[in-house]
Protein backbone atom coordinates (compact mmCIF):
# COMPACT_ATOMS: atom_id res chain seq x y z
CA MET A 1 -47.71 -17.68 44.89
CA ALA A 2 -44.31 -16.23 45.81
CA ASP A 3 -42.57 -19.44 44.71
CA LYS A 4 -44.28 -19.23 41.32
CA GLU A 5 -43.18 -15.60 40.89
CA ILE A 6 -39.60 -16.48 41.85
CA GLU A 7 -39.57 -19.30 39.30
CA ASN A 8 -40.90 -16.94 36.64
CA LEU A 9 -38.24 -14.37 37.53
CA GLN A 10 -35.52 -17.03 37.38
CA ARG A 11 -36.72 -18.17 33.93
CA ASP A 12 -36.88 -14.58 32.73
CA LEU A 13 -33.40 -13.95 34.09
CA GLN A 14 -32.06 -17.06 32.35
CA ALA A 15 -33.69 -15.97 29.07
CA LEU A 16 -32.16 -12.51 29.50
CA ARG A 17 -28.72 -14.04 30.06
CA GLN A 18 -29.08 -16.07 26.88
CA ASP A 19 -30.18 -13.01 24.92
CA VAL A 20 -27.22 -10.99 26.20
CA SER A 21 -24.87 -13.87 25.34
CA SER A 22 -26.33 -14.11 21.85
CA LEU A 23 -26.03 -10.35 21.38
CA THR A 24 -22.41 -10.42 22.54
CA ASP A 25 -21.59 -13.22 20.10
CA SER A 26 -23.22 -11.28 17.26
CA LEU A 27 -21.25 -8.14 18.11
CA LYS A 28 -18.00 -10.13 18.16
CA LYS A 29 -18.74 -11.58 14.74
CA MET A 30 -19.64 -8.18 13.30
CA SER A 31 -16.47 -6.65 14.72
CA ALA A 32 -14.33 -9.43 13.28
CA GLU A 33 -15.97 -8.99 9.87
CA ARG A 34 -15.31 -5.25 9.93
CA VAL A 35 -11.69 -5.77 10.94
CA ASN A 36 -11.22 -8.28 8.12
CA ALA A 37 -12.84 -5.90 5.64
CA GLY A 38 -10.53 -3.12 6.83
CA LEU A 39 -7.48 -5.34 6.45
CA ASP A 40 -8.54 -6.37 2.97
CA SER A 41 -9.00 -2.72 2.02
CA ALA A 42 -5.58 -1.81 3.45
CA ARG A 43 -3.94 -4.66 1.55
CA ALA A 44 -5.59 -3.58 -1.68
CA SER A 45 -4.49 0.03 -1.14
CA GLY A 46 -0.94 -1.11 -0.36
CA GLU A 47 -0.81 -3.23 -3.49
CA LYS A 48 -2.13 -0.35 -5.61
CA PHE A 49 0.47 2.02 -4.12
CA ARG A 50 3.24 -0.54 -4.76
CA GLN A 51 2.19 -0.87 -8.40
CA GLN A 52 2.09 2.91 -8.82
CA ALA A 53 5.55 3.23 -7.25
CA GLU A 54 6.95 0.58 -9.58
CA GLU A 55 5.42 2.33 -12.58
CA ALA A 56 6.83 5.70 -11.49
CA THR A 57 10.25 4.10 -11.05
CA ARG A 58 10.11 2.58 -14.54
CA ASN A 59 9.05 5.95 -16.00
CA LEU A 60 11.89 7.71 -14.21
CA GLU A 61 14.40 5.13 -15.43
CA GLN A 62 13.17 5.58 -19.01
CA GLU A 63 13.41 9.36 -18.70
CA ILE A 64 16.96 9.12 -17.36
CA GLU A 65 17.97 6.76 -20.17
CA ALA A 66 16.40 9.06 -22.78
CA ARG A 67 18.03 12.23 -21.42
CA PRO A 68 21.03 11.36 -19.22
CA PHE A 69 22.72 14.77 -19.37
CA THR A 70 19.53 16.66 -18.51
CA SER A 71 18.85 14.20 -15.67
CA VAL A 72 22.30 14.71 -14.18
CA LEU A 73 21.94 18.49 -14.36
CA ALA A 74 18.48 18.35 -12.78
CA ALA A 75 19.74 16.10 -9.96
CA PHE A 76 22.69 18.44 -9.38
CA GLY A 77 20.37 21.46 -9.30
CA VAL A 78 17.97 19.87 -6.85
CA GLY A 79 20.85 18.72 -4.65
CA PHE A 80 22.40 22.19 -4.74
CA ILE A 81 19.12 23.87 -3.73
CA ILE A 82 18.51 21.39 -0.91
CA GLY A 83 22.09 21.88 0.28
CA LYS A 84 21.67 25.66 0.36
CA LEU A 85 18.37 25.36 2.23
CA LEU A 86 19.85 23.02 4.83
CA ASP A 87 23.02 25.12 5.14
CA ARG A 88 21.05 27.96 6.73
């Protein structure tokens, strides 16, 4: 009877090992999928930010071309204020 119980325990232990292995594989796959989804999201956000930066640059260039004197005065004023703040 003891041999039969040992064989049953060994089978149960083998089945448990297989279940743990299967669970580990599933967790690895899920983690990889989440990482890939995160990377895709980061890439999309980066692309959106790049497009917005390009648009803002084009708008600024158009504003400077439309009003060059005002743009130069504004840049001088901002530079002057920053210089005074950093001079302290």
